[in-house]
Amino acid sequence: MNQLPEAYAQYLQGRDEAFVDTVKPVLQQSVADMNYGVRVVVLPHGVQAHLDERIPFGEVVEGVD
C-alpha cells in the first residue's frame, strides 16, 4: 500500500512542513506494518510520533503516553 489511509492523510492536512516531516514517516511505517496506529505527542518545542499497540491500525491519537 503506497498511499496513506484517508484518516492519516486528513490528519496531515493543514499541518506545517516540520510537523509533516516528523509524523509522516511514522504513518508510513504504520501502513507498512498494518498492525498499529500512531500516537502523536505535541510538545512545547516540537512533536513526537510513534507506533502504539494500543491504537488500532488506521487511527491517530494525539496526547501523552
PDB file of N, CA and C in Angstrom:
ATOM      1  N   MET A   1       0.850  -1.173   0.000  1.00  0.00           N
ATOM      2  CA  MET A   1       0.000   0.000   0.000  1.00  0.00           C
ATOM      3  C   MET A   1       0.897   1.238   0.000  1.00  0.00           C
ATOM      4  N   ASN A   2       0.850   2.005  -1.059  1.00  0.00           N
ATOM      5  CA  ASN A   2       1.693   3.182  -1.181  1.00  0.00           C
ATOM      6  C   ASN A   2       1.046   4.431  -0.605  1.00  0.00           C
ATOM      7  N   GLN A   3      -0.262   4.492  -0.626  1.00  0.00           N
ATOM      8  CA  GLN A   3      -0.956   5.669  -0.144  1.00  0.00           C
ATOM      9  C   GLN A   3      -1.296   5.516   1.330  1.00  0.00           C
ATOM     10  N   LEU A   4      -1.388   6.667   1.983  1.00  0.00           N
ATOM     11  CA  LEU A   4      -1.812   6.665   3.376  1.00  0.00           C
ATOM     12  C   LEU A   4      -3.318   6.463   3.449  1.00  0.00           C
ATOM     13  N   PRO A   5      -3.800   5.783   4.494  1.00  0.00           N
ATOM     14  CA  PRO A   5      -5.252   5.697   4.689  1.00  0.00           C
ATOM     15  C   PRO A   5      -5.839   7.104   4.793  1.00  0.00           C
ATOM     16  N   GLU A   6      -7.091   7.236   4.468  1.00  0.00           N
ATOM     17  CA  GLU A   6      -7.746   8.544   4.461  1.00  0.00           C
ATOM     18  C   GLU A   6      -7.599   9.271   5.801  1.00  0.00           C
ATOM     19  N   ALA A   7      -7.747   8.550   6.904  1.00  0.00           N
ATOM     20  CA  ALA A   7      -7.617   9.191   8.227  1.00  0.00           C
ATOM     21  C   ALA A   7      -6.221   9.775   8.425  1.00  0.00           C
ATOM     22  N   TYR A   8      -5.203   9.082   7.940  1.00  0.00           N
ATOM     23  CA  TYR A   8      -3.834   9.582   8.073  1.00  0.00           C
ATOM     24  C   TYR A   8      -3.629  10.812   7.198  1.00  0.00           C
ATOM     25  N   ALA A   9      -4.099  10.756   5.972  1.00  0.00           N
ATOM     26  CA  ALA A   9      -3.954  11.885   5.048  1.00  0.00           C
ATOM     27  C   ALA A   9      -4.673  13.116   5.593  1.00  0.00           C
ATOM     28  N   GLN A  10      -5.873  12.921   6.120  1.00  0.00           N
ATOM     29  CA  GLN A  10      -6.628  14.040   6.684  1.00  0.00           C
ATOM     30  C   GLN A  10      -5.914  14.614   7.904  1.00  0.00           C
ATOM     31  N   TYR A  11      -5.308  13.760   8.695  1.00  0.00           N
ATOM     32  CA  TYR A  11      -4.602  14.230   9.885  1.00  0.00           C
ATOM     33  C   TYR A  11      -3.468  15.186   9.504  1.00  0.00           C
ATOM     34  N   LEU A  12      -2.823  14.943   8.383  1.00  0.00           N
ATOM     35  CA  LEU A  12      -1.700  15.789   7.958  1.00  0.00           C
ATOM     36  C   LEU A  12      -2.141  17.079   7.269  1.00  0.00           C
ATOM     37  N   GLN A  13      -3.380  17.143   6.822  1.00  0.00           N
ATOM     38  CA  GLN A  13      -3.851  18.324   6.096  1.00  0.00           C
ATOM     39  C   GLN A  13      -3.739  19.577   6.950  1.00  0.00           C
ATOM     40  N   GLY A  14      -3.193  20.605   6.370  1.00  0.00           N
ATOM     41  CA  GLY A  14      -3.097  21.893   7.032  1.00  0.00           C
ATOM     42  C   GLY A  14      -1.976  22.014   8.055  1.00  0.00           C
ATOM     43  N   ARG A  15      -1.187  20.953   8.214  1.00  0.00           N
ATOM     44  CA  ARG A  15      -0.073  20.992   9.175  1.00  0.00           C
ATOM     45  C   ARG A  15       1.148  21.617   8.519  1.00  0.00           C
ATOM     46  N   ASP A  16       2.009  22.206   9.332  1.00  0.00           N
ATOM     47  CA  ASP A  16       3.207  22.815   8.759  1.00  0.00           C
ATOM     48  C   ASP A  16       4.213  21.738   8.354  1.00  0.00           C
ATOM     49  N   GLU A  17       5.190  22.155   7.573  1.00  0.00           N
ATOM     50  CA  GLU A  17       6.159  21.223   6.983  1.00  0.00           C
ATOM     51  C   GLU A  17       6.940  20.445   8.040  1.00  0.00           C
ATOM     52  N   ALA A  18       7.345  21.106   9.106  1.00  0.00           N
ATOM     53  CA  ALA A  18       8.112  20.433  10.164  1.00  0.00           C
ATOM     54  C   ALA A  18       7.269  19.334  10.823  1.00  0.00           C
ATOM     55  N   PHE A  19       6.000  19.606  11.053  1.00  0.00           N
ATOM     56  CA  PHE A  19       5.096  18.624  11.648  1.00  0.00           C
ATOM     57  C   PHE A  19       4.982  17.414  10.732  1.00  0.00           C
ATOM     58  N   VAL A  20       4.710  17.666   9.461  1.00  0.00           N
ATOM     59  CA  VAL A  20       4.551  16.581   8.487  1.00  0.00           C
ATOM     60  C   VAL A  20       5.841  15.782   8.357  1.00  0.00           C
ATOM     61  N   ASP A  21       6.979  16.458   8.324  1.00  0.00           N
ATOM     62  CA  ASP A  21       8.262  15.768   8.201  1.00  0.00           C
ATOM     63  C   ASP A  21       8.528  14.840   9.379  1.00  0.00           C
ATOM     64  N   THR A  22       8.011  15.184  10.542  1.00  0.00           N
ATOM     65  CA  THR A  22       8.199  14.356  11.730  1.00  0.00           C
ATOM     66  C   THR A  22       7.203  13.209  11.784  1.00  0.00           C
ATOM     67  N   VAL A  23       5.961  13.471  11.472  1.00  0.00           N
ATOM     68  CA  VAL A  23       4.892  12.495  11.673  1.00  0.00           C
ATOM     69  C   VAL A  23       4.721  11.534  10.491  1.00  0.00           C
ATOM     70  N   LYS A  24       4.879  12.020   9.283  1.00  0.00           N
ATOM     71  CA  LYS A  24       4.594  11.199   8.098  1.00  0.00           C
ATOM     72  C   LYS A  24       5.403   9.895   8.044  1.00  0.00           C
ATOM     73  N   PRO A  25       6.692   9.894   8.372  1.00  0.00           N
ATOM     74  CA  PRO A  25       7.419   8.616   8.332  1.00  0.00           C
ATOM     75  C   PRO A  25       6.834   7.561   9.282  1.00  0.00           C
ATOM     76  N   VAL A  26       6.317   7.994  10.407  1.00  0.00           N
ATOM     77  CA  VAL A  26       5.713   7.047  11.346  1.00  0.00           C
ATOM     78  C   VAL A  26       4.371   6.543  10.793  1.00  0.00           C
ATOM     79  N   LEU A  27       3.625   7.417  10.149  1.00  0.00           N
ATOM     80  CA  LEU A  27       2.389   6.988   9.498  1.00  0.00           C
ATOM     81  C   LEU A  27       2.703   5.964   8.399  1.00  0.00           C
ATOM     82  N   GLN A  28       3.755   6.219   7.642  1.00  0.00           N
ATOM     83  CA  GLN A  28       4.151   5.284   6.588  1.00  0.00           C
ATOM     84  C   GLN A  28       4.606   3.951   7.174  1.00  0.00           C
ATOM     85  N   GLN A  29       5.280   3.995   8.306  1.00  0.00           N
ATOM     86  CA  GLN A  29       5.680   2.753   8.976  1.00  0.00           C
ATOM     87  C   GLN A  29       4.449   1.971   9.411  1.00  0.00           C
ATOM     88  N   SER A  30       3.456   2.672   9.922  1.00  0.00           N
ATOM     89  CA  SER A  30       2.209   2.033  10.327  1.00  0.00           C
ATOM     90  C   SER A  30       1.552   1.337   9.130  1.00  0.00           C
ATOM     91  N   VAL A  31       1.561   2.020   7.984  1.00  0.00           N
ATOM     92  CA  VAL A  31       0.981   1.439   6.768  1.00  0.00           C
ATOM     93  C   VAL A  31       1.763   0.205   6.337  1.00  0.00           C
ATOM     94  N   ALA A  32       3.072   0.259   6.429  1.00  0.00           N
ATOM     95  CA  ALA A  32       3.900  -0.878   6.019  1.00  0.00           C
ATOM     96  C   ALA A  32       3.642  -2.096   6.904  1.00  0.00           C
ATOM     97  N   ASP A  33       3.487  -1.861   8.201  1.00  0.00           N
ATOM     98  CA  ASP A  33       3.263  -2.962   9.144  1.00  0.00           C
ATOM     99  C   ASP A  33       1.804  -3.404   9.193  1.00  0.00           C
ATOM    100  N   MET A  34       0.891  -2.424   9.069  1.00  0.00           N
ATOM    101  CA  MET A  34      -0.559  -2.648   9.152  1.00  0.00           C
ATOM    102  C   MET A  34      -0.982  -3.332  10.454  1.00  0.00           C
ATOM    103  N   ASN A  35      -0.252  -3.039  11.543  1.00  0.00           N
ATOM    104  CA  ASN A  35      -0.575  -3.634  12.839  1.00  0.00           C
ATOM    105  C   ASN A  35      -1.087  -2.627  13.855  1.00  0.00           C
ATOM    106  N   TYR A  36      -0.473  -1.449  13.901  1.00  0.00           N
ATOM    107  CA  TYR A  36      -0.754  -0.491  14.958  1.00  0.00           C
ATOM    108  C   TYR A  36      -1.037   0.891  14.410  1.00  0.00           C
ATOM    109  N   GLY A  37      -1.747   1.669  15.212  1.00  0.00           N
ATOM    110  CA  GLY A  37      -1.975   3.064  14.907  1.00  0.00           C
ATOM    111  C   GLY A  37      -0.828   3.901  15.417  1.00  0.00           C
ATOM    112  N   VAL A  38      -1.031   5.218  15.391  1.00  0.00           N
ATOM    113  CA  VAL A  38       0.044   6.154  15.710  1.00  0.00           C
ATOM    114  C   VAL A  38      -0.389   7.093  16.833  1.00  0.00           C
ATOM    115  N   ARG A  39       0.510   7.282  17.785  1.00  0.00           N
ATOM    116  CA  ARG A  39       0.324   8.275  18.847  1.00  0.00           C
ATOM    117  C   ARG A  39       1.237   9.454  18.539  1.00  0.00           C
ATOM    118  N   VAL A  40       0.666  10.645  18.566  1.00  0.00           N
ATOM    119  CA  VAL A  40       1.406  11.872  18.330  1.00  0.00           C
ATOM    120  C   VAL A  40       1.382  12.680  19.619  1.00  0.00           C
ATOM    121  N   VAL A  41       2.550  13.052  20.082  1.00  0.00           N
ATOM    122  CA  VAL A  41       2.684  13.841  21.300  1.00  0.00           C
ATOM    123  C   VAL A  41       3.194  15.221  20.891  1.00  0.00           C
ATOM    124  N   VAL A  42       2.377  16.242  21.158  1.00  0.00           N
ATOM    125  CA  VAL A  42       2.744  17.612  20.836  1.00  0.00           C
ATOM    126  C   VAL A  42       3.402  18.214  22.072  1.00  0.00           C
ATOM    127  N   LEU A  43       4.642  18.603  21.912  1.00  0.00           N
ATOM    128  CA  LEU A  43       5.445  19.166  22.992  1.00  0.00           C
ATOM    129  C   LEU A  43       5.564  20.680  22.811  1.00  0.00           C
ATOM    130  N   PRO A  44       5.987  21.398  23.837  1.00  0.00           N
ATOM    131  CA  PRO A  44       6.122  22.852  23.699  1.00  0.00           C
ATOM    132  C   PRO A  44       7.033  23.278  22.545  1.00  0.00           C
ATOM    133  N   HIS A  45       8.059  22.476  22.263  1.00  0.00           N
ATOM    134  CA  HIS A  45       9.014  22.881  21.225  1.00  0.00           C
ATOM    135  C   HIS A  45       9.133  21.854  20.111  1.00  0.00           C
ATOM    136  N   GLY A  46       8.080  21.121  19.843  1.00  0.00           N
ATOM    137  CA  GLY A  46       8.144  20.143  18.769  1.00  0.00           C
ATOM    138  C   GLY A  46       7.061  19.085  18.905  1.00  0.00           C
ATOM    139  N   VAL A  47       7.262  18.017  18.181  1.00  0.00           N
ATOM    140  CA  VAL A  47       6.285  16.936  18.152  1.00  0.00           C
ATOM    141  C   VAL A  47       7.028  15.612  18.072  1.00  0.00           C
ATOM    142  N   GLN A  48       6.439  14.589  18.666  1.00  0.00           N
ATOM    143  CA  GLN A  48       6.971  13.230  18.566  1.00  0.00           C
ATOM    144  C   GLN A  48       5.846  12.336  18.073  1.00  0.00           C
ATOM    145  N   ALA A  49       6.197  11.288  17.353  1.00  0.00           N
ATOM    146  CA  ALA A  49       5.208  10.322  16.889  1.00  0.00           C
ATOM    147  C   ALA A  49       5.808   8.927  16.989  1.00  0.00           C
ATOM    148  N   HIS A  50       4.963   7.968  17.344  1.00  0.00           N
ATOM    149  CA  HIS A  50       5.420   6.585  17.400  1.00  0.00           C
ATOM    150  C   HIS A  50       4.238   5.638  17.231  1.00  0.00           C
ATOM    151  N   LEU A  51       4.555   4.412  16.806  1.00  0.00           N
ATOM    152  CA  LEU A  51       3.527   3.388  16.729  1.00  0.00           C
ATOM    153  C   LEU A  51       3.095   3.047  18.146  1.00  0.00           C
ATOM    154  N   ASP A  52       1.817   2.713  18.298  1.00  0.00           N
ATOM    155  CA  ASP A  52       1.290   2.381  19.622  1.00  0.00           C
ATOM    156  C   ASP A  52       0.382   1.170  19.487  1.00  0.00           C
ATOM    157  N   GLU A  53       0.755   0.087  20.128  1.00  0.00           N
ATOM    158  CA  GLU A  53      -0.006  -1.160  20.016  1.00  0.00           C
ATOM    159  C   GLU A  53      -1.400  -1.038  20.622  1.00  0.00           C
ATOM    160  N   ARG A  54      -1.660  -0.006  21.404  1.00  0.00           N
ATOM    161  CA  ARG A  54      -2.982   0.205  21.998  1.00  0.00           C
ATOM    162  C   ARG A  54      -3.936   0.910  21.047  1.00  0.00           C
ATOM    163  N   ILE A  55      -3.410   1.409  19.929  1.00  0.00           N
ATOM    164  CA  ILE A  55      -4.229   2.140  18.963  1.00  0.00           C
ATOM    165  C   ILE A  55      -4.404   1.270  17.718  1.00  0.00           C
ATOM    166  N   PRO A  56      -5.640   1.070  17.268  1.00  0.00           N
ATOM    167  CA  PRO A  56      -5.865   0.247  16.072  1.00  0.00           C
ATOM    168  C   PRO A  56      -5.236   0.869  14.824  1.00  0.00           C
ATOM    169  N   PHE A  57      -4.788   0.023  13.921  1.00  0.00           N
ATOM    170  CA  PHE A  57      -4.239   0.477  12.651  1.00  0.00           C
ATOM    171  C   PHE A  57      -5.227   1.432  11.980  1.00  0.00           C
ATOM    172  N   GLY A  58      -4.693   2.506  11.410  1.00  0.00           N
ATOM    173  CA  GLY A  58      -5.509   3.473  10.688  1.00  0.00           C
ATOM    174  C   GLY A  58      -5.980   4.639  11.525  1.00  0.00           C
ATOM    175  N   GLU A  59      -5.674   4.600  12.826  1.00  0.00           N
ATOM    176  CA  GLU A  59      -6.096   5.699  13.702  1.00  0.00           C
ATOM    177  C   GLU A  59      -4.884   6.469  14.217  1.00  0.00           C
ATOM    178  N   VAL A  60      -5.091   7.770  14.445  1.00  0.00           N
ATOM    179  CA  VAL A  60      -4.077   8.633  15.035  1.00  0.00           C
ATOM    180  C   VAL A  60      -4.671   9.228  16.301  1.00  0.00           C
ATOM    181  N   VAL A  61      -3.908   9.185  17.374  1.00  0.00           N
ATOM    182  CA  VAL A  61      -4.344   9.767  18.646  1.00  0.00           C
ATOM    183  C   VAL A  61      -3.293  10.776  19.082  1.00  0.00           C
ATOM    184  N   GLU A  62      -3.742  11.986  19.403  1.00  0.00           N
ATOM    185  CA  GLU A  62      -2.836  12.996  19.949  1.00  0.00           C
ATOM    186  C   GLU A  62      -2.977  12.973  21.459  1.00  0.00           C
ATOM    187  N   GLY A  63      -1.849  13.104  22.137  1.00  0.00           N
ATOM    188  CA  GLY A  63      -1.893  13.165  23.584  1.00  0.00           C
ATOM    189  C   GLY A  63      -0.598  12.726  24.196  1.00  0.00           C
ATOM    190  N   VAL A  64      -0.667  12.379  25.467  1.00  0.00           N
ATOM    191  CA  VAL A  64       0.502  11.924  26.197  1.00  0.00           C
ATOM    192  C   VAL A  64       0.426  10.408  26.329  1.00  0.00           C
ATOM    193  N   ASP A  65       1.573   9.776  26.580  1.00  0.00           N
ATOM    194  CA  ASP A  65       1.608   8.327  26.732  1.00  0.00           C
ATOM    195  C   ASP A  65       0.896   7.864  27.961  1.00  0.00           C
TER     196      ASP A  65
END
